[in-house]
Amino acid sequence: MKKYFLGFTLGIFSLLMAGCGYFEQSDDRKVVVRVNDSYLYEEDVAALINEDTSPEDSSIIVSSYITRWATQQLLIDRAELNLPESQQKEFNGLVSNYRNELYTNAYTEAVVSRDLDTSLNREDVELYYEQNKENFILNEDLLKLRYINLARNSNNLDEIKTKFRRFNEKDQQELIDMALQFKNYSMNDSVWVKTKSVYNKIGPLSVEDRSSLLKKSNFMELQDSLNVYLVYVNDVLSRNEQAPLEYASATIREILLNKRKQALIKELEKDITKDAIKNNEFEIYN
């Protein structure tokens, strides 16, 4: 049914556009629309819809696309007639450069993804960190904290507070066992997080709470109309302090892998040039 309707829709457009001139086909594909020397083929339009598209939606989608395509082609043709030749040459050069970039980037990415060794040992990361510490200065505050968000009317709120603040191994396990009644929580207070993410997670936090939030070994209890937020700040690093290795390690890994990637690309370019010269595919005329 969908194929029949698509064929019917395209047939209507073919009849409507036939008055513009005879469709000169450059290959065996079925032409749907022609605008001067540009052609839109049935396979291009068929790709716009699928089996789940209703006949009514199919008609709207196809009609809209053909109209937009035809208008764009007419504008391009008009531009080619009216824009200065120098500007057209500039545009053609930009298009050619963009095409070249797409091809070369796609090829080098494929080769690199195949050959790149992504394994990094901790010693490599630590060595880079030690040699480049001045590049790893914090531009925002970091926190290690745990938090729980639960309903204000929870009947065991006092018990949860006690376990949350004391937080020995038994408390940790019991809090995890209770987690179904929490709306949100994080018990991992050994990972550095940005203050921005804390503000996003804990709604009632405001600028006025900043001094309390940036205080080590500090318990905070905040509320809104429905919820209670329990927060315990385990550790703090302030802006302009040295970023810890565990926080900087992800960035360092990206840097080291990018260095390997760039080295592979240079090696690839060198090998391609060498092979081309050897096979008489590349020569420079004096």
Protein backbone atom coordinates (compact mmCIF):
# COMPACT_ATOMS: atom_id res chain seq x y z
CA MET A 1 0.00 0.00 0.00
CA LYS A 2 2.82 2.39 0.93
CA LYS A 3 4.71 1.62 -2.27
CA TYR A 4 1.56 2.13 -4.32
CA PHE A 5 0.89 5.46 -2.63
CA LEU A 6 4.48 6.61 -3.08
CA GLY A 7 4.30 5.69 -6.75
CA PHE A 8 1.02 7.55 -7.09
CA THR A 9 2.45 10.63 -5.35
CA LEU A 10 5.58 10.63 -7.48
CA GLY A 11 3.46 10.08 -10.58
CA ILE A 12 1.46 13.19 -9.84
CA PHE A 13 4.64 15.22 -9.43
CA SER A 14 6.05 13.78 -12.64
CA LEU A 15 2.96 14.90 -14.56
CA LEU A 16 3.04 18.34 -12.96
CA MET A 17 6.71 18.85 -13.76
CA ALA A 18 6.54 17.36 -17.25
CA GLY A 19 5.29 20.67 -18.58
CA CYS A 20 8.70 22.17 -17.74
CA GLY A 21 10.38 20.09 -20.44
CA TYR A 22 11.37 16.58 -21.40
CA PHE A 23 13.38 14.68 -18.74
CA GLU A 24 16.79 13.95 -20.12
CA GLN A 25 18.03 11.01 -18.07
CA SER A 26 21.76 10.67 -17.54
CA ASP A 27 21.47 7.04 -16.38
CA ASP A 28 18.88 4.29 -15.79
CA ARG A 29 17.47 5.83 -12.63
CA LYS A 30 13.92 7.13 -12.76
CA VAL A 31 13.76 10.92 -12.75
CA VAL A 32 11.07 12.56 -10.64
CA VAL A 33 11.87 16.25 -11.11
CA ARG A 34 14.16 18.26 -13.36
CA VAL A 35 15.32 21.81 -12.81
CA ASN A 36 17.38 22.87 -15.82
CA ASP A 37 20.32 20.42 -15.81
CA SER A 38 19.74 19.10 -12.27
CA TYR A 39 17.71 15.95 -11.61
CA LEU A 40 15.98 14.51 -8.57
CA TYR A 41 15.55 10.74 -8.73
CA GLU A 42 12.87 8.46 -7.34
CA GLU A 43 15.38 6.71 -5.08
CA ASP A 44 16.26 10.04 -3.46
CA VAL A 45 12.62 10.73 -2.62
CA ALA A 46 11.85 7.15 -1.58
CA ALA A 47 14.54 7.38 1.10
CA LEU A 48 12.51 10.09 2.86
CA ILE A 49 9.74 7.78 4.06
CA ASN A 50 9.43 4.29 5.54
CA GLU A 51 6.76 1.65 6.09
CA ASP A 52 5.55 3.40 9.26
CA THR A 53 4.82 6.69 7.47
CA SER A 54 1.13 7.24 6.81
CA PRO A 55 -0.03 8.01 3.23
CA GLU A 56 -1.01 11.51 4.27
CA ASP A 57 2.37 12.19 5.90
CA SER A 58 4.16 10.67 2.92
CA SER A 59 2.44 13.10 0.57
CA ILE A 60 3.33 16.09 2.76
CA ILE A 61 6.96 14.99 3.19
CA VAL A 62 7.51 14.31 -0.52
CA SER A 63 5.77 17.52 -1.59
CA SER A 64 7.74 19.64 0.86
CA TYR A 65 11.07 18.07 -0.07
CA ILE A 66 10.54 18.45 -3.83
CA THR A 67 9.52 22.08 -3.41
CA ARG A 68 12.58 22.85 -1.27
CA TRP A 69 14.90 20.98 -3.63
CA ALA A 70 13.54 22.70 -6.74
CA THR A 71 13.70 26.14 -5.11
CA GLN A 72 17.30 25.55 -4.04
CA GLN A 73 18.33 24.43 -7.53
CA LEU A 74 16.66 27.47 -9.09
CA LEU A 75 18.47 29.77 -6.65
CA ILE A 76 21.79 28.06 -7.43
CA ASP A 77 21.23 28.44 -11.16
CA ARG A 78 20.28 32.09 -10.72
CA ALA A 79 23.36 32.67 -8.56
CA GLU A 80 25.62 31.11 -11.20
CA LEU A 81 24.19 33.51 -13.76
CA ASN A 82 24.51 36.62 -11.64
CA LEU A 83 27.42 36.23 -9.21
CA PRO A 84 30.79 37.56 -10.38
CA GLU A 85 33.09 34.95 -11.88
CA SER A 86 35.75 35.71 -9.27
CA GLN A 87 33.33 34.95 -6.45
CA GLN A 88 32.21 31.72 -8.12
CA LYS A 89 35.84 30.62 -8.46
CA GLU A 90 36.35 31.35 -4.77
CA PHE A 91 33.28 29.29 -3.84
CA ASN A 92 34.33 26.41 -6.11
CA GLY A 93 37.75 26.44 -4.46
CA LEU A 94 36.17 26.27 -1.01
CA VAL A 95 33.92 23.39 -2.09
CA SER A 96 36.90 21.54 -3.57
CA ASN A 97 38.96 22.05 -0.42
CA TYR A 98 36.07 20.86 1.76
CA ARG A 99 35.65 17.75 -0.38
CA ASN A 100 39.37 17.01 -0.14
CA GLU A 101 39.27 17.44 3.64
CA LEU A 102 36.32 15.05 3.94
CA TYR A 103 38.07 12.36 1.91
CA THR A 104 41.49 12.66 3.55
CA ASN A 105 40.07 12.88 7.07
CA ALA A 106 37.83 9.84 6.52
CA TYR A 107 40.75 7.80 5.17
CA THR A 108 43.24 8.80 7.86
CA GLU A 109 40.63 8.19 10.59
CA ALA A 110 39.99 4.69 9.21
CA VAL A 111 43.71 3.88 9.15
CA VAL A 112 44.34 5.36 12.59
CA SER A 113 41.38 3.58 14.20
CA ARG A 114 42.76 0.30 12.80
CA ASP A 115 46.39 0.81 13.82
CA LEU A 116 46.26 3.03 16.91
CA ASP A 117 47.40 1.38 20.13
CA THR A 118 45.00 2.78 22.74
CA SER A 119 46.60 1.05 25.72
CA LEU A 120 48.31 3.39 28.19
CA ASN A 121 49.97 2.29 31.39
CA ARG A 122 49.80 4.33 34.58
CA GLU A 123 53.51 5.14 34.39
CA ASP A 124 53.02 7.01 31.08
CA VAL A 125 50.21 9.08 32.60
CA GLU A 126 52.13 9.83 35.80
CA LEU A 127 55.28 10.83 33.89
CA TYR A 128 53.35 13.27 31.67
CA TYR A 129 51.61 14.69 34.75
CA GLU A 130 54.91 15.26 36.57
CA GLN A 131 56.52 16.88 33.53
CA ASN A 132 53.56 19.18 32.83
CA LYS A 133 52.12 20.04 36.24
CA GLU A 134 51.89 23.72 35.37
CA ASN A 135 49.28 22.83 32.73
CA PHE A 136 46.98 21.18 35.28
CA ILE A 137 45.81 24.04 37.47
CA LEU A 138 42.14 24.01 38.45
CA ASN A 139 39.90 26.68 36.93
CA GLU A 140 37.02 25.73 39.24
CA ASP A 141 36.46 24.20 42.66
CA LEU A 142 36.36 20.42 43.09
CA LEU A 143 34.62 18.38 45.75
CA LYS A 144 34.53 14.87 47.10
CA LEU A 145 31.10 14.36 48.60
CA ARG A 146 28.20 12.00 49.15
CA TYR A 147 24.54 12.96 49.09
CA ILE A 148 21.03 11.57 49.45
CA ASN A 149 17.77 13.06 48.20
CA LEU A 150 14.62 11.66 49.84
CA ALA A 151 11.07 12.69 50.68
CA ARG A 152 10.57 15.03 53.67
CA ASN A 153 7.92 12.74 55.15
CA SER A 154 10.22 9.68 55.31
CA ASN A 155 9.51 7.97 58.63
CA ASN A 156 13.13 6.84 59.16
CA LEU A 157 14.79 10.15 58.32
CA ASP A 158 16.64 10.42 61.65
CA GLU A 159 18.04 6.90 61.26
CA ILE A 160 19.22 7.70 57.73
CA LYS A 161 20.88 10.92 58.91
CA THR A 162 22.80 9.06 61.60
CA LYS A 163 24.04 6.38 59.22
CA PHE A 164 24.85 8.96 56.56
CA ARG A 165 27.00 11.06 58.88
CA ARG A 166 28.75 8.17 60.65
CA PHE A 167 29.19 6.20 57.41
CA ASN A 168 31.10 3.16 58.62
CA GLU A 169 31.10 -0.03 56.52
CA LYS A 170 27.91 -1.31 58.12
CA ASP A 171 26.18 2.06 57.60
CA GLN A 172 27.24 2.15 53.95
CA GLN A 173 25.76 -1.27 53.25
CA GLU A 174 22.54 -0.50 55.10
CA LEU A 175 22.11 2.79 53.23
CA ILE A 176 22.59 0.98 49.92
CA ASP A 177 19.94 -1.55 51.04
CA MET A 178 17.58 1.37 51.69
CA ALA A 179 18.32 3.02 48.33
CA LEU A 180 14.91 2.20 46.83
CA GLN A 181 13.34 4.91 49.00
CA PHE A 182 15.86 7.55 47.85
CA LYS A 183 14.96 9.79 44.91
CA ASN A 184 18.64 10.26 44.10
CA TYR A 185 21.92 9.51 45.80
CA SER A 186 25.66 9.03 45.48
CA MET A 187 27.69 7.20 48.13
CA ASN A 188 31.02 7.47 46.34
CA ASP A 189 32.82 10.28 48.14
CA SER A 190 36.27 9.36 46.84
CA VAL A 191 35.82 10.87 43.35
CA TRP A 192 36.44 14.54 42.54
CA VAL A 193 33.44 16.31 41.00
CA LYS A 194 32.90 19.87 39.77
CA THR A 195 30.84 22.20 41.95
CA LYS A 196 28.66 22.98 38.93
CA SER A 197 27.49 19.35 38.77
CA VAL A 198 26.71 19.45 42.51
CA TYR A 199 24.49 22.51 42.07
CA ASN A 200 22.72 20.76 39.19
CA LYS A 201 22.03 17.67 41.31
CA ILE A 202 21.01 19.39 44.55
CA GLY A 203 18.25 21.87 43.80
CA PRO A 204 18.09 23.90 47.04
CA LEU A 205 21.80 24.76 46.92
CA SER A 206 22.31 28.48 46.37
CA VAL A 207 25.21 30.90 46.12
CA GLU A 208 24.80 31.60 49.85
CA ASP A 209 25.67 27.95 50.58
CA ARG A 210 29.03 28.15 48.80
CA SER A 211 31.12 28.68 51.94
CA SER A 212 29.54 25.63 53.61
CA LEU A 213 29.86 23.56 50.45
CA LEU A 214 33.58 24.35 50.22
CA LYS A 215 34.31 23.28 53.79
CA LYS A 216 36.01 19.92 54.39
CA SER A 217 34.33 17.26 56.55
CA ASN A 218 31.12 19.23 56.62
CA PHE A 219 27.53 17.95 56.86
CA MET A 220 24.71 19.91 55.25
CA GLU A 221 20.95 19.39 55.34
CA LEU A 222 18.83 21.29 52.83
CA GLN A 223 15.12 21.19 52.07
CA ASP A 224 12.59 22.26 49.53
CA SER A 225 8.81 21.83 49.63
CA LEU A 226 8.97 18.07 48.99
CA ASN A 227 12.46 16.79 49.62
CA VAL A 228 15.34 16.64 52.06
CA TYR A 229 18.91 16.71 50.75
CA LEU A 230 21.66 15.28 52.94
CA VAL A 231 25.17 16.30 51.87
CA TYR A 232 28.52 15.41 53.36
CA VAL A 233 31.59 17.16 51.92
CA ASN A 234 34.58 14.88 52.37
CA ASP A 235 37.30 16.98 50.71
CA VAL A 236 37.74 20.22 48.75
CA LEU A 237 40.18 21.60 46.20
CA SER A 238 39.87 25.27 45.35
CA ARG A 239 40.29 27.04 42.05
CA ASN A 240 43.94 27.72 41.10
CA GLU A 241 45.19 24.77 43.13
CA GLN A 242 47.05 21.88 41.52
CA ALA A 243 44.63 19.42 39.88
CA PRO A 244 45.09 15.94 41.38
CA LEU A 245 46.40 13.17 39.15
CA GLU A 246 43.19 11.14 39.35
CA TYR A 247 41.22 14.15 38.06
CA ALA A 248 43.72 15.07 35.34
CA SER A 249 44.33 11.51 34.15
CA ALA A 250 41.42 11.45 31.69
CA THR A 251 42.71 14.61 29.98
CA ILE A 252 46.26 13.26 29.96
CA ARG A 253 45.11 10.04 28.30
CA GLU A 254 43.41 12.06 25.55
CA ILE A 255 46.59 14.10 25.05
CA LEU A 256 48.83 11.04 24.84
CA LEU A 257 46.50 9.20 22.48
CA ASN A 258 46.24 12.28 20.27
CA LYS A 259 50.04 12.46 20.11
CA ARG A 260 50.11 8.82 18.98
CA LYS A 261 47.38 9.56 16.46
CA GLN A 262 49.25 12.53 14.97
CA ALA A 263 52.44 10.45 14.77
CA LEU A 264 50.55 7.73 12.87
CA ILE A 265 49.10 10.28 10.44
CA LYS A 266 52.55 11.74 9.74
CA GLU A 267 53.93 8.23 9.19
CA LEU A 268 51.02 7.44 6.85
CA GLU A 269 51.58 10.62 4.82
CA LYS A 270 55.30 9.90 4.61
CA ASP A 271 54.74 6.29 3.46
CA ILE A 272 52.13 7.30 0.86
CA THR A 273 54.48 9.90 -0.62
CA LYS A 274 57.42 7.49 -0.63
CA ASP A 275 55.37 4.78 -2.39
CA ALA A 276 54.04 7.27 -4.95
CA ILE A 277 57.56 8.40 -5.85
CA LYS A 278 58.73 4.79 -6.06
CA ASN A 279 55.83 3.85 -8.38
CA ASN A 280 56.30 6.96 -10.51
CA GLU A 281 52.89 8.32 -9.40
CA PHE A 282 54.33 11.53 -8.00
CA GLU A 283 57.02 13.78 -9.45
CA ILE A 284 57.92 17.43 -9.23
CA TYR A 285 58.86 19.25 -12.42
CA ASN A 286 61.62 21.86 -12.26
